[in-house]
Amino acid sequence: MTPSRNEHTIAAACEVRGRGYWSGREVRVLIEPARIGTGVVLVRGDLASEPSCPASIEFRNDADLRTNLRRGEASFAMIEHLIAALAAMEIDNCVVTIDGEEFPGLDGSSEAYVNALREAGLIVQAKAKSRLVIQDTIRIQDQGRWIEASPSTDGRNYFEYRLQFNDDTPIAPQTFGLVLTPYRFIHEVSRARTFVTQSQAETLRARGLASHVTNHDLLVIGQDGPLENELRFPDECARHKTLDMIGDLALAGVEIVGRIVSFRGGHNLNGMMAARLAQLAAAQIKQNQSQPSSAQQYPAHATLRRVA
């Protein structure tokens, strides 16, 4: 691993409120600044002991259609939209307190988190941020689906998602890719929403799940397009899959330099790749610690704000 930039936290606390897709429960998410080296720590403010869990692949708890974390009695559901916003906006240290298990579904995107974090502002902290530079190609695959991490040709982090469902689904094949920067995430990815087909939505509702979620709360796609809704981008589905991938891979705990490409992948494959990247980072951490930092050491309280 090599240093790239300095660590960041937010300049002020901010919050987001909403209702969970699966639980239907109203929750408050409070995001507060944290010291150097804290990382992203999730806290269950509704439980007496206020148990916590680092946003780390070590504590990932597999679930269909979402990413969950659990450490002891501290369990958190559908974290990926928040974690994607934090990672893409380069916020490394913060404490996130929620008064329930499931994070709010909101409109199915990261936009509300992005808006709150931009309003809070950013502080550059006096410690170099380590990054993992991909040196060799890594591919993880399962039943025709795969995710691959390969070396970057320009020293930047590139994400690409190639979406392709079976012939009987109404969602056409589509591909979206971008070099990840805060600006591009805000304007090209953060507004892309969770989606399901009409038949998937009907199946979930028949099982008594997400019965309160309407066609306005996420994209429900029928044979002729979104039901009672409109696409924000022609390739919004691929963009949302990219958003999920960014959030899931952030659980590796390092800034990645490489090309990340997924074909028909989802949360499970993303989790496997995050675990592999975390292993690579752990294997290199001692060497990284023995080398002097080349990152510019900014004053610990120099406040910056992202420009839209």
Protein backbone atom coordinates (compact mmCIF):
# COMPACT_ATOMS: atom_id res chain seq x y z
CA MET A 1 0.00 0.00 0.00
CA THR A 2 1.11 3.55 -0.70
CA PRO A 3 -0.08 6.87 0.74
CA SER A 4 -2.21 9.03 -1.54
CA ARG A 5 -3.98 11.82 0.32
CA ASN A 6 -4.73 12.74 3.91
CA GLU A 7 -7.58 11.29 5.95
CA HIS A 8 -10.81 13.29 6.18
CA THR A 9 -13.70 13.71 8.57
CA ILE A 10 -16.75 15.96 8.42
CA ALA A 11 -16.69 19.49 9.84
CA ALA A 12 -20.05 19.23 11.63
CA ALA A 13 -22.64 16.62 12.52
CA CYS A 14 -25.45 15.96 10.07
CA GLU A 15 -28.47 13.67 9.96
CA VAL A 16 -30.81 11.84 7.61
CA ARG A 17 -34.25 10.52 8.50
CA GLY A 18 -36.41 8.00 6.69
CA ARG A 19 -38.18 4.68 6.70
CA GLY A 20 -36.60 1.27 6.19
CA TYR A 21 -37.62 -0.66 3.08
CA TRP A 22 -37.82 -4.00 4.83
CA SER A 23 -38.82 -3.07 8.38
CA GLY A 24 -40.99 -0.06 7.58
CA ARG A 25 -39.59 1.60 10.70
CA GLU A 26 -38.83 5.33 10.86
CA VAL A 27 -35.20 5.88 11.84
CA ARG A 28 -32.76 8.74 12.38
CA VAL A 29 -29.17 8.47 11.14
CA LEU A 30 -26.75 10.84 12.88
CA ILE A 31 -23.28 11.23 11.32
CA GLU A 32 -20.65 12.87 13.54
CA PRO A 33 -16.97 13.81 13.09
CA ALA A 34 -14.32 11.44 14.43
CA ARG A 35 -10.63 11.47 15.21
CA ILE A 36 -7.80 10.33 12.95
CA GLY A 37 -7.71 6.58 12.48
CA THR A 38 -11.27 5.96 13.72
CA GLY A 39 -12.64 4.73 10.42
CA VAL A 40 -16.40 4.51 9.91
CA VAL A 41 -18.06 3.16 13.06
CA LEU A 42 -21.76 2.29 13.22
CA VAL A 43 -23.58 2.56 16.57
CA ARG A 44 -27.02 1.28 17.64
CA GLY A 45 -28.29 4.25 19.63
CA ASP A 46 -31.61 2.53 20.35
CA LEU A 47 -30.03 -0.25 22.41
CA ALA A 48 -29.14 0.25 26.07
CA SER A 49 -25.45 -0.55 25.71
CA GLU A 50 -25.14 1.34 22.41
CA PRO A 51 -23.13 -1.46 20.77
CA SER A 52 -20.97 -0.57 17.79
CA CYS A 53 -19.52 -2.19 14.71
CA PRO A 54 -16.79 -0.96 12.36
CA ALA A 55 -17.85 -0.71 8.72
CA SER A 56 -15.54 -3.57 7.81
CA ILE A 57 -15.81 -6.67 5.64
CA GLU A 58 -14.88 -8.68 8.75
CA PHE A 59 -18.41 -8.14 10.07
CA ARG A 60 -20.38 -8.57 6.84
CA ASN A 61 -23.50 -10.70 7.24
CA ASP A 62 -24.85 -11.95 3.91
CA ALA A 63 -28.45 -11.16 2.96
CA ASP A 64 -30.39 -11.14 -0.28
CA LEU A 65 -30.64 -7.80 -2.09
CA ARG A 66 -28.69 -5.81 0.52
CA THR A 67 -25.52 -5.65 2.63
CA ASN A 68 -25.70 -6.15 6.40
CA LEU A 69 -23.14 -5.96 9.20
CA ARG A 70 -23.20 -7.64 12.61
CA ARG A 71 -20.91 -7.66 15.64
CA GLY A 72 -22.46 -9.20 18.71
CA GLU A 73 -25.78 -7.53 19.35
CA ALA A 74 -24.93 -4.65 17.02
CA SER A 75 -26.63 -5.45 13.72
CA PHE A 76 -27.14 -3.09 10.79
CA ALA A 77 -29.10 -3.67 7.58
CA MET A 78 -28.84 -2.15 4.11
CA ILE A 79 -25.75 -0.07 4.78
CA GLU A 80 -24.38 0.10 1.23
CA HIS A 81 -25.94 3.42 0.13
CA LEU A 82 -24.48 5.31 3.10
CA ILE A 83 -21.08 3.60 2.85
CA ALA A 84 -20.90 4.37 -0.88
CA ALA A 85 -21.49 8.07 -0.20
CA LEU A 86 -18.86 8.18 2.54
CA ALA A 87 -16.27 6.32 0.46
CA ALA A 88 -16.84 8.26 -2.76
CA MET A 89 -16.76 11.60 -0.95
CA GLU A 90 -13.51 10.55 0.76
CA ILE A 91 -14.85 10.69 4.32
CA ASP A 92 -12.67 8.26 6.24
CA ASN A 93 -13.46 8.94 9.90
CA CYS A 94 -16.95 9.33 11.36
CA VAL A 95 -19.35 7.82 13.87
CA VAL A 96 -22.79 6.91 12.53
CA THR A 97 -25.54 6.42 15.13
CA ILE A 98 -28.88 4.94 14.11
CA ASP A 99 -31.92 4.34 16.32
CA GLY A 100 -32.86 1.08 14.62
CA GLU A 101 -31.36 -1.83 12.70
CA GLU A 102 -32.21 -0.95 9.11
CA PHE A 103 -30.96 2.17 7.39
CA PRO A 104 -33.67 4.21 5.64
CA GLY A 105 -34.52 3.35 2.05
CA LEU A 106 -35.19 7.01 1.18
CA ASP A 107 -35.65 7.17 -2.61
CA GLY A 108 -33.44 4.14 -3.18
CA SER A 109 -30.30 6.18 -3.82
CA SER A 110 -27.44 7.87 -1.93
CA GLU A 111 -28.60 11.40 -2.74
CA ALA A 112 -29.92 12.28 0.75
CA TYR A 113 -26.65 11.17 2.36
CA VAL A 114 -24.62 13.14 -0.18
CA ASN A 115 -26.64 16.30 0.42
CA ALA A 116 -26.25 16.02 4.20
CA LEU A 117 -22.51 15.38 3.98
CA ARG A 118 -21.93 18.26 1.57
CA GLU A 119 -23.75 20.59 3.93
CA ALA A 120 -21.62 19.36 6.86
CA GLY A 121 -18.35 20.14 5.07
CA LEU A 122 -15.01 18.39 5.17
CA ILE A 123 -11.93 18.57 7.40
CA VAL A 124 -8.54 17.39 6.18
CA GLN A 125 -6.76 15.51 8.98
CA ALA A 126 -3.03 15.30 9.65
CA LYS A 127 -2.50 11.68 8.72
CA ALA A 128 -1.79 10.08 5.35
CA LYS A 129 -4.49 7.88 3.90
CA SER A 130 -3.19 4.52 2.69
CA ARG A 131 -4.30 3.05 -0.58
CA LEU A 132 -4.06 -0.40 -2.09
CA VAL A 133 -2.66 -0.38 -5.63
CA ILE A 134 -3.84 -3.47 -7.54
CA GLN A 135 -0.76 -5.19 -9.00
CA ASP A 136 -2.27 -8.39 -10.42
CA THR A 137 -5.65 -9.29 -11.85
CA ILE A 138 -8.08 -10.89 -9.43
CA ARG A 139 -11.31 -12.47 -10.69
CA ILE A 140 -14.07 -13.99 -8.58
CA GLN A 141 -16.89 -15.71 -10.43
CA ASP A 142 -19.97 -17.77 -9.78
CA GLN A 143 -22.45 -19.26 -12.27
CA GLY A 144 -21.68 -16.90 -15.13
CA ARG A 145 -21.37 -13.82 -12.93
CA TRP A 146 -18.03 -12.27 -12.09
CA ILE A 147 -16.16 -9.33 -10.63
CA GLU A 148 -12.59 -8.48 -11.54
CA ALA A 149 -9.96 -6.15 -10.10
CA SER A 150 -7.01 -5.38 -12.37
CA PRO A 151 -4.16 -2.84 -12.42
CA SER A 152 -4.94 0.76 -13.36
CA THR A 153 -3.16 2.19 -16.38
CA ASP A 154 -3.40 5.79 -15.15
CA GLY A 155 -3.19 5.56 -11.36
CA ARG A 156 -6.89 6.18 -10.85
CA ASN A 157 -9.79 4.11 -9.56
CA TYR A 158 -12.24 2.97 -12.24
CA PHE A 159 -15.55 1.22 -11.64
CA GLU A 160 -17.66 -0.43 -14.33
CA TYR A 161 -20.84 -2.48 -14.15
CA ARG A 162 -22.17 -4.59 -17.02
CA LEU A 163 -25.83 -5.37 -16.46
CA GLN A 164 -27.51 -8.22 -18.28
CA PHE A 165 -30.57 -10.11 -17.13
CA ASN A 166 -32.38 -13.05 -18.64
CA ASP A 167 -34.37 -12.55 -21.84
CA ASP A 168 -37.70 -12.57 -19.98
CA THR A 169 -36.95 -9.41 -17.96
CA PRO A 170 -37.94 -5.92 -19.15
CA ILE A 171 -34.53 -4.40 -18.30
CA ALA A 172 -32.28 -4.14 -21.34
CA PRO A 173 -28.53 -4.87 -21.13
CA GLN A 174 -26.58 -1.74 -20.20
CA THR A 175 -23.09 -0.75 -19.08
CA PHE A 176 -21.89 2.15 -17.01
CA GLY A 177 -18.35 3.05 -15.97
CA LEU A 178 -16.51 6.00 -14.43
CA VAL A 179 -13.25 7.10 -12.86
CA LEU A 180 -14.37 7.59 -9.28
CA THR A 181 -14.08 11.12 -7.92
CA PRO A 182 -16.34 12.92 -5.43
CA TYR A 183 -17.65 15.20 -8.18
CA ARG A 184 -18.50 12.37 -10.57
CA PHE A 185 -20.12 10.27 -7.84
CA ILE A 186 -22.32 13.19 -6.78
CA HIS A 187 -23.50 14.01 -10.29
CA GLU A 188 -23.42 10.67 -12.08
CA VAL A 189 -24.01 7.94 -9.50
CA SER A 190 -25.52 9.14 -6.21
CA ARG A 191 -29.01 9.75 -7.66
CA ALA A 192 -29.32 6.29 -9.26
CA ARG A 193 -32.03 4.33 -7.45
CA THR A 194 -32.70 0.79 -6.32
CA PHE A 195 -34.78 -1.10 -8.86
CA VAL A 196 -36.85 -4.26 -9.14
CA THR A 197 -38.97 -5.71 -11.90
CA GLN A 198 -42.73 -5.67 -11.55
CA SER A 199 -42.76 -9.44 -11.00
CA GLN A 200 -40.10 -9.18 -8.28
CA ALA A 201 -42.09 -6.45 -6.54
CA GLU A 202 -45.24 -8.56 -6.66
CA THR A 203 -43.36 -11.55 -5.20
CA LEU A 204 -41.95 -9.48 -2.33
CA ARG A 205 -45.34 -7.97 -1.51
CA ALA A 206 -46.98 -11.40 -1.62
CA ARG A 207 -44.46 -12.53 1.02
CA GLY A 208 -45.46 -9.57 3.20
CA LEU A 209 -42.16 -7.76 2.60
CA ALA A 210 -41.81 -4.05 1.80
CA SER A 211 -45.59 -3.74 1.63
CA HIS A 212 -45.39 -0.02 2.45
CA VAL A 213 -42.95 0.73 -0.41
CA THR A 214 -44.74 2.31 -3.35
CA ASN A 215 -43.74 2.68 -7.00
CA HIS A 216 -42.60 6.20 -6.13
CA ASP A 217 -40.12 5.00 -3.47
CA LEU A 218 -37.90 3.08 -5.88
CA LEU A 219 -37.89 1.98 -9.51
CA VAL A 220 -40.39 -0.77 -10.28
CA ILE A 221 -39.89 -1.67 -13.93
CA GLY A 222 -42.61 -3.22 -16.04
CA GLN A 223 -42.64 -4.27 -19.67
CA ASP A 224 -43.06 -0.67 -20.83
CA GLY A 225 -40.64 0.93 -18.37
CA PRO A 226 -40.92 2.31 -14.81
CA LEU A 227 -44.35 2.15 -13.18
CA GLU A 228 -45.64 5.55 -11.99
CA ASN A 229 -42.08 6.85 -12.21
CA GLU A 230 -39.41 8.06 -14.64
CA LEU A 231 -35.77 7.17 -15.15
CA ARG A 232 -33.22 9.73 -14.01
CA PHE A 233 -30.66 8.29 -16.45
CA PRO A 234 -31.18 5.99 -19.44
CA ASP A 235 -28.79 3.51 -17.78
CA GLU A 236 -29.94 4.14 -14.20
CA CYS A 237 -30.00 0.45 -13.32
CA ALA A 238 -26.32 -0.04 -14.23
CA ARG A 239 -25.45 3.16 -12.37
CA HIS A 240 -27.16 1.92 -9.22
CA LYS A 241 -25.31 -1.39 -9.43
CA THR A 242 -22.12 0.67 -9.64
CA LEU A 243 -23.21 2.59 -6.52
CA ASP A 244 -23.74 -0.69 -4.66
CA MET A 245 -20.34 -1.96 -5.78
CA ILE A 246 -18.60 1.19 -4.52
CA GLY A 247 -20.27 0.83 -1.12
CA ASP A 248 -19.62 -2.89 -0.79
CA LEU A 249 -15.93 -2.69 -1.78
CA ALA A 250 -15.38 0.19 0.66
CA LEU A 251 -15.73 -2.43 3.42
CA ALA A 252 -12.22 -3.56 2.47
CA GLY A 253 -11.11 -0.54 4.50
CA VAL A 254 -8.64 0.86 1.97
CA GLU A 255 -8.68 3.29 -0.90
CA ILE A 256 -8.30 1.20 -4.06
CA VAL A 257 -6.32 2.08 -7.17
CA GLY A 258 -7.31 -0.23 -9.98
CA ARG A 259 -9.98 -1.18 -12.50
CA ILE A 260 -13.01 -2.84 -10.94
CA VAL A 261 -15.36 -4.42 -13.47
CA SER A 262 -18.41 -6.54 -12.67
CA PHE A 263 -20.57 -8.58 -15.01
CA ARG A 264 -23.96 -9.40 -13.53
CA GLY A 265 -22.47 -9.32 -10.04
CA GLY A 266 -24.25 -8.42 -6.84
CA HIS A 267 -23.70 -7.94 -3.12
CA ASN A 268 -22.34 -11.45 -2.52
CA LEU A 269 -19.64 -11.26 -5.20
CA ASN A 270 -18.84 -7.71 -4.09
CA GLY A 271 -18.37 -9.00 -0.55
CA MET A 272 -16.03 -11.75 -1.72
CA MET A 273 -13.92 -9.22 -3.60
CA ALA A 274 -13.85 -6.85 -0.62
CA ALA A 275 -12.59 -9.71 1.56
CA ARG A 276 -9.84 -10.50 -0.94
CA LEU A 277 -8.75 -6.86 -1.14
CA ALA A 278 -8.73 -6.61 2.64
CA GLN A 279 -6.43 -9.66 2.76
CA LEU A 280 -4.04 -8.01 0.29
CA ALA A 281 -4.04 -4.83 2.34
CA ALA A 282 -3.34 -6.70 5.56
CA ALA A 283 -0.42 -8.53 3.94
CA GLN A 284 1.15 -5.21 2.94
CA ILE A 285 0.37 -3.10 6.00
CA LYS A 286 3.65 -3.74 7.86
CA GLN A 287 5.67 -2.74 4.84
CA ASN A 288 3.55 0.39 4.45
CA GLN A 289 4.08 1.37 8.08
CA SER A 290 7.85 1.07 7.73
CA GLN A 291 7.99 3.56 4.86
CA PRO A 292 7.86 7.36 5.35
CA SER A 293 4.64 9.04 4.28
CA SER A 294 4.73 11.08 1.08
CA ALA A 295 1.26 12.56 1.55
CA GLN A 296 1.11 16.29 2.16
CA GLN A 297 0.42 16.96 5.83
CA TYR A 298 -2.35 19.53 5.96
CA PRO A 299 -3.25 21.35 9.17
CA ALA A 300 -5.55 19.14 11.21
CA HIS A 301 -8.38 21.69 11.19
CA ALA A 302 -8.25 23.02 7.62
CA THR A 303 -11.91 22.99 6.61
CA LEU A 304 -12.82 22.36 2.98
CA ARG A 305 -16.17 22.06 1.26
CA ARG A 306 -16.96 20.05 -1.81
CA VAL A 307 -18.00 22.10 -4.83
CA ALA A 308 -20.96 20.80 -6.80
